[in-house]
Amino acid sequence: MWVSSRPLGRSELARLLRLPSLGISARSAAVSAVVVLVALALAGATFCLILYRSLLAGVDDATAGRVRTIVDALHSASPDDLDSALLTTNQRVVAIQLIAPDGRVVVRAGSAPATPLIPINEFDFNLRRGMPDDAVLNDDLRVSGQKVNGASGQYTVLVGGGSEAVEATVRTVALLVAGGAPIIVAVSSGSPWRTALVRIAASSKNCS
């Protein structure tokens, strides 16, 4: 496309600024950007919510599964005779406690303190799964627990899962989505602006 290099006169410049097509293109680009931005915001929020719940469900599955395994083992063994693998911690299972009826923590692993994470009267002989982290004072833990009449007496098994890592992951994803949104908006709304620029150049050529 050839564009005249001759400076535009006042009348020609005014004509370009009054081009109705330029106004329509600009408005179209603005509307497109707003629509895309709103759609991205809704999609991003929905995705982060689904991701958060999915990751928390994975933590709860891990803690509940560990409780069941320890409860089964206590039917035939004392706390001191438990397989060490049952007391190992990882990214999801971060704290384990075996608590006697008098409230003493007889076995603990990971980040578990020497006092019960949650009062044992909150549990019975049915598995309680995924208590939210606000149930544990001063700690980001989701706790699953259950009482058991074992071979050497009654115990309450508590297993805590780390929710802090889940929150950190979701925050990172949210930041990435927020950082990529302006790029997507710019690309999606760039076509009307390019059309407007082409029409300006064409009009300038006609004026020359």
Protein backbone atom coordinates (compact mmCIF):
# COMPACT_ATOMS: atom_id res chain seq x y z
CA MET A 1 0.00 0.00 0.00
CA TRP A 2 1.36 3.44 -1.00
CA VAL A 3 0.82 6.31 1.40
CA SER A 4 1.62 9.84 0.44
CA SER A 5 4.48 11.40 2.37
CA ARG A 6 3.02 14.89 1.83
CA PRO A 7 1.97 16.53 5.12
CA LEU A 8 -1.77 16.55 5.57
CA GLY A 9 -3.56 19.88 5.49
CA ARG A 10 -5.99 20.99 8.12
CA SER A 11 -9.02 20.17 6.04
CA GLU A 12 -7.68 16.72 5.20
CA LEU A 13 -6.80 16.00 8.85
CA ALA A 14 -10.23 17.10 9.98
CA ARG A 15 -11.76 14.82 7.38
CA LEU A 16 -9.81 11.86 8.72
CA LEU A 17 -10.78 12.60 12.30
CA ARG A 18 -14.45 12.76 11.30
CA LEU A 19 -14.37 9.36 9.63
CA PRO A 20 -17.38 7.46 10.96
CA SER A 21 -15.62 4.16 10.26
CA LEU A 22 -12.85 5.12 12.69
CA GLY A 23 -15.34 5.74 15.46
CA ILE A 24 -17.12 2.47 14.80
CA SER A 25 -13.85 0.54 14.76
CA ALA A 26 -12.69 2.13 18.00
CA ARG A 27 -15.98 1.39 19.70
CA SER A 28 -15.92 -2.14 18.35
CA ALA A 29 -12.43 -2.68 19.71
CA ALA A 30 -13.42 -1.32 23.12
CA VAL A 31 -16.54 -3.48 23.33
CA SER A 32 -14.57 -6.51 22.19
CA ALA A 33 -11.92 -5.89 24.84
CA VAL A 34 -14.52 -5.51 27.59
CA VAL A 35 -16.38 -8.66 26.56
CA VAL A 36 -13.19 -10.70 26.38
CA LEU A 37 -11.97 -9.33 29.71
CA VAL A 38 -15.23 -10.19 31.48
CA ALA A 39 -15.27 -13.65 29.92
CA LEU A 40 -11.67 -14.26 30.98
CA ALA A 41 -12.38 -13.05 34.51
CA LEU A 42 -15.36 -15.38 34.88
CA ALA A 43 -13.56 -18.32 33.32
CA GLY A 44 -10.45 -17.71 35.42
CA ALA A 45 -12.40 -17.46 38.66
CA THR A 46 -14.36 -20.61 37.85
CA PHE A 47 -11.20 -22.51 36.96
CA CYS A 48 -9.42 -21.42 40.16
CA LEU A 49 -12.43 -22.43 42.27
CA ILE A 50 -12.63 -25.86 40.63
CA LEU A 51 -8.87 -26.31 40.99
CA TYR A 52 -9.00 -25.30 44.67
CA ARG A 53 -11.79 -27.73 45.48
CA SER A 54 -10.13 -30.51 43.50
CA LEU A 55 -6.81 -30.08 45.30
CA LEU A 56 -8.51 -29.96 48.70
CA ALA A 57 -10.44 -33.12 47.83
CA GLY A 58 -7.11 -34.80 47.05
CA VAL A 59 -5.74 -33.76 50.45
CA ASP A 60 -8.86 -35.05 52.20
CA ASP A 61 -8.66 -38.36 50.31
CA ALA A 62 -5.05 -38.78 51.42
CA THR A 63 -5.73 -38.05 55.10
CA ALA A 64 -8.88 -40.19 55.23
CA GLY A 65 -7.06 -43.06 53.55
CA ARG A 66 -4.23 -42.85 56.09
CA VAL A 67 -6.69 -42.85 58.98
CA ARG A 68 -8.35 -46.01 57.67
CA THR A 69 -5.00 -47.75 57.22
CA ILE A 70 -3.81 -46.89 60.75
CA VAL A 71 -7.16 -47.89 62.26
CA ASP A 72 -6.97 -51.27 60.53
CA ALA A 73 -3.41 -51.77 61.77
CA LEU A 74 -4.36 -50.94 65.38
CA HIS A 75 -6.85 -53.80 65.41
CA SER A 76 -3.91 -56.18 65.58
CA ALA A 77 -0.99 -54.09 66.82
CA SER A 78 -0.15 -51.56 69.51
CA PRO A 79 0.89 -48.01 68.61
CA ASP A 80 4.54 -48.87 69.30
CA ASP A 81 4.38 -51.80 66.87
CA LEU A 82 2.95 -49.91 63.91
CA ASP A 83 4.80 -50.12 60.63
CA SER A 84 6.92 -47.00 60.26
CA ALA A 85 5.51 -46.49 56.76
CA LEU A 86 2.14 -45.67 58.32
CA LEU A 87 3.70 -42.72 60.13
CA THR A 88 5.57 -41.21 57.21
CA THR A 89 4.49 -37.78 56.00
CA ASN A 90 4.52 -36.21 52.57
CA GLN A 91 3.21 -33.15 50.73
CA ARG A 92 -0.41 -34.03 51.49
CA VAL A 93 -0.19 -35.88 54.81
CA VAL A 94 1.79 -33.55 57.09
CA ALA A 95 0.79 -34.52 60.65
CA ILE A 96 -0.24 -37.74 62.42
CA GLN A 97 -1.38 -38.28 66.01
CA LEU A 98 -2.48 -41.29 68.04
CA ILE A 99 -4.23 -40.09 71.17
CA ALA A 100 -5.11 -42.05 74.29
CA PRO A 101 -8.53 -41.66 75.98
CA ASP A 102 -7.04 -39.33 78.60
CA GLY A 103 -5.90 -36.90 75.87
CA ARG A 104 -2.23 -37.86 75.83
CA VAL A 105 -0.59 -37.96 72.41
CA VAL A 106 1.16 -41.34 72.50
CA VAL A 107 2.45 -41.25 68.91
CA ARG A 108 3.00 -38.27 66.63
CA ALA A 109 4.71 -37.69 63.32
CA GLY A 110 5.44 -34.86 60.94
CA SER A 111 4.44 -31.41 62.15
CA ALA A 112 2.00 -32.75 64.74
CA PRO A 113 2.34 -31.03 68.15
CA ALA A 114 2.42 -32.78 71.52
CA THR A 115 -1.19 -31.77 72.17
CA PRO A 116 -4.22 -32.97 70.18
CA LEU A 117 -4.82 -31.06 66.96
CA ILE A 118 -8.55 -31.19 67.72
CA PRO A 119 -10.29 -32.28 70.94
CA ILE A 120 -10.92 -36.02 70.73
CA ASN A 121 -14.55 -35.59 71.77
CA GLU A 122 -15.12 -34.27 68.25
CA PHE A 123 -14.69 -37.83 66.93
CA ASP A 124 -16.41 -41.18 67.26
CA PHE A 125 -15.98 -44.64 65.72
CA ASN A 126 -17.04 -43.37 62.31
CA LEU A 127 -14.51 -41.67 60.07
CA ARG A 128 -14.77 -37.90 60.07
CA ARG A 129 -13.20 -36.65 56.88
CA GLY A 130 -11.70 -33.31 55.92
CA MET A 131 -12.46 -30.97 58.82
CA PRO A 132 -11.62 -27.45 57.56
CA ASP A 133 -8.41 -25.75 58.61
CA ASP A 134 -10.21 -23.21 60.81
CA ALA A 135 -10.94 -26.12 63.18
CA VAL A 136 -7.21 -26.27 64.00
CA LEU A 137 -5.93 -23.24 65.87
CA ASN A 138 -2.84 -21.53 64.42
CA ASP A 139 -2.31 -24.11 61.70
CA ASP A 140 -3.29 -24.61 58.04
CA LEU A 141 -4.43 -28.22 58.37
CA ARG A 142 -7.46 -30.17 57.24
CA VAL A 143 -7.95 -33.03 59.67
CA SER A 144 -9.51 -36.46 59.28
CA GLY A 145 -9.95 -38.65 62.34
CA GLN A 146 -11.60 -41.66 63.93
CA LYS A 147 -11.69 -43.54 67.22
CA VAL A 148 -10.76 -47.21 67.31
CA ASN A 149 -10.87 -50.01 69.86
CA GLY A 150 -7.48 -51.51 69.14
CA ALA A 151 -5.61 -54.54 70.38
CA SER A 152 -4.06 -52.52 73.22
CA GLY A 153 -6.89 -50.15 74.01
CA GLN A 154 -8.88 -47.28 72.61
CA TYR A 155 -7.19 -44.56 70.57
CA THR A 156 -8.17 -41.60 68.44
CA VAL A 157 -6.32 -41.38 65.14
CA LEU A 158 -5.89 -37.90 63.70
CA VAL A 159 -4.24 -37.16 60.35
CA GLY A 160 -3.67 -33.60 59.16
CA GLY A 161 -3.36 -32.58 55.53
CA GLY A 162 -1.59 -29.43 54.39
CA SER A 163 -3.90 -26.81 52.87
CA GLU A 164 -1.25 -24.11 52.64
CA ALA A 165 0.36 -25.72 49.59
CA VAL A 166 -3.05 -25.89 47.92
CA GLU A 167 -3.66 -22.19 48.53
CA ALA A 168 -0.20 -21.31 47.21
CA THR A 169 -0.80 -23.33 44.03
CA VAL A 170 -4.15 -21.66 43.37
CA ARG A 171 -2.66 -18.20 43.98
CA THR A 172 0.10 -18.93 41.46
CA VAL A 173 -2.42 -20.08 38.85
CA ALA A 174 -4.59 -17.01 39.48
CA LEU A 175 -1.60 -14.72 38.98
CA LEU A 176 -0.70 -16.47 35.72
CA VAL A 177 -4.27 -16.14 34.46
CA ALA A 178 -4.37 -12.47 35.45
CA GLY A 179 -1.02 -11.84 33.78
CA GLY A 180 -2.07 -13.49 30.53
CA ALA A 181 -5.44 -11.77 30.31
CA PRO A 182 -4.14 -8.42 28.96
CA ILE A 183 -2.26 -10.19 26.17
CA ILE A 184 -5.36 -12.13 25.12
CA VAL A 185 -7.49 -8.99 25.27
CA ALA A 186 -4.98 -7.08 23.17
CA VAL A 187 -4.83 -9.80 20.51
CA SER A 188 -8.60 -10.30 20.37
CA SER A 189 -9.35 -6.59 20.08
CA GLY A 190 -6.47 -5.72 17.77
CA SER A 191 -8.26 -6.54 14.52
CA PRO A 192 -10.68 -3.57 14.61
CA TRP A 193 -7.80 -1.20 15.27
CA ARG A 194 -5.83 -2.63 12.35
CA THR A 195 -8.88 -2.16 10.12
CA ALA A 196 -9.19 1.44 11.24
CA LEU A 197 -5.54 2.15 10.51
CA VAL A 198 -5.83 0.65 7.03
CA ARG A 199 -8.83 2.85 6.30
CA ILE A 200 -6.97 5.93 7.54
CA ALA A 201 -4.07 5.15 5.25
CA ALA A 202 -6.43 4.58 2.33
CA SER A 203 -8.23 7.85 3.00
CA SER A 204 -4.93 9.69 3.19
CA LYS A 205 -3.96 8.27 -0.18
CA ASN A 206 -7.25 9.49 -1.68
CA CYS A 207 -6.62 12.96 -0.28
CA SER A 208 -3.23 13.23 -1.89
